[in-house]
Amino acid sequence: MHKYERIIYWSDADQKFLVEVPELSGCMADGATAAEALENVEVVISEWIETAKELGREIPEAKGKLMYA
């Protein structure tokens, strides 16, 4: 499991759970259930990192929780 922060929420427009990874620009996934969306985002994070490496782009270091309430 990657250590990047994930934000998960329900989308009425998509009728699915969405998961965003704020530290990886444009990295997100969806799923019919919250658990499925979280599983899917692990694959997407791996693919995001692999693509960034292939393109010679910087891969942000995971910082954990980005905001405090």
Protein backbone atom coordinates (compact mmCIF):
# COMPACT_ATOMS: atom_id res chain seq x y z
CA MET A 1 0.00 0.00 0.00
CA HIS A 2 1.27 3.43 -0.95
CA LYS A 3 1.54 6.08 1.76
CA TYR A 4 -0.10 8.96 -0.09
CA GLU A 5 -3.13 10.67 1.41
CA ARG A 6 -6.45 9.67 -0.15
CA ILE A 7 -9.71 11.58 -0.10
CA ILE A 8 -12.79 9.41 -0.63
CA TYR A 9 -16.30 10.68 -1.22
CA TRP A 10 -19.60 9.76 -2.85
CA SER A 11 -20.42 11.35 -6.23
CA ASP A 12 -24.13 11.74 -6.98
CA ALA A 13 -23.28 12.63 -10.59
CA ASP A 14 -21.32 9.40 -11.11
CA GLN A 15 -23.25 7.25 -8.63
CA LYS A 16 -19.90 5.90 -7.41
CA PHE A 17 -17.35 6.46 -4.72
CA LEU A 18 -14.40 8.56 -5.90
CA VAL A 19 -10.90 8.58 -4.42
CA GLU A 20 -8.48 11.43 -5.10
CA VAL A 21 -4.75 11.43 -4.32
CA PRO A 22 -3.95 15.15 -3.87
CA GLU A 23 -0.16 14.74 -3.92
CA LEU A 24 -0.25 13.08 -7.36
CA SER A 25 -1.79 15.49 -9.84
CA GLY A 26 -4.81 14.00 -11.61
CA CYS A 27 -4.56 10.70 -9.76
CA MET A 28 -7.99 9.34 -8.90
CA ALA A 29 -10.14 6.23 -9.13
CA ASP A 30 -13.73 5.16 -8.59
CA GLY A 31 -15.71 2.15 -7.46
CA ALA A 32 -19.20 0.93 -6.66
CA THR A 33 -18.20 0.64 -3.00
CA ALA A 34 -15.72 2.58 -0.87
CA ALA A 35 -13.58 -0.55 -0.54
CA GLU A 36 -13.56 -1.10 -4.31
CA ALA A 37 -12.59 2.53 -4.95
CA LEU A 38 -9.70 2.22 -2.48
CA GLU A 39 -8.51 -1.00 -4.16
CA ASN A 40 -8.71 0.65 -7.57
CA VAL A 41 -6.74 3.70 -6.49
CA GLU A 42 -3.80 1.51 -5.43
CA VAL A 43 -3.49 0.32 -9.03
CA VAL A 44 -3.82 3.87 -10.34
CA ILE A 45 -1.14 5.16 -7.93
CA SER A 46 1.26 2.45 -9.12
CA GLU A 47 0.53 3.31 -12.75
CA TRP A 48 0.94 7.05 -12.04
CA ILE A 49 4.37 6.46 -10.48
CA GLU A 50 5.44 4.10 -13.30
CA THR A 51 4.43 6.63 -15.95
CA ALA A 52 6.20 9.48 -14.13
CA LYS A 53 9.41 7.39 -13.99
CA GLU A 54 9.16 6.58 -17.71
CA LEU A 55 8.74 10.28 -18.53
CA GLY A 56 11.53 11.35 -16.18
CA ARG A 57 9.16 13.38 -14.01
CA GLU A 58 9.58 14.02 -10.32
CA ILE A 59 7.66 11.70 -8.01
CA PRO A 60 6.43 13.56 -4.92
CA GLU A 61 7.37 12.12 -1.57
CA ALA A 62 4.34 11.02 0.46
CA LYS A 63 3.70 13.53 3.22
CA GLY A 64 0.73 11.87 4.89
CA LYS A 65 -2.09 14.03 6.18
CA LEU A 66 -2.02 17.35 4.33
CA MET A 67 -4.50 19.42 6.36
CA TYR A 68 -5.61 19.64 9.93
CA ALA A 69 -9.12 20.48 11.13
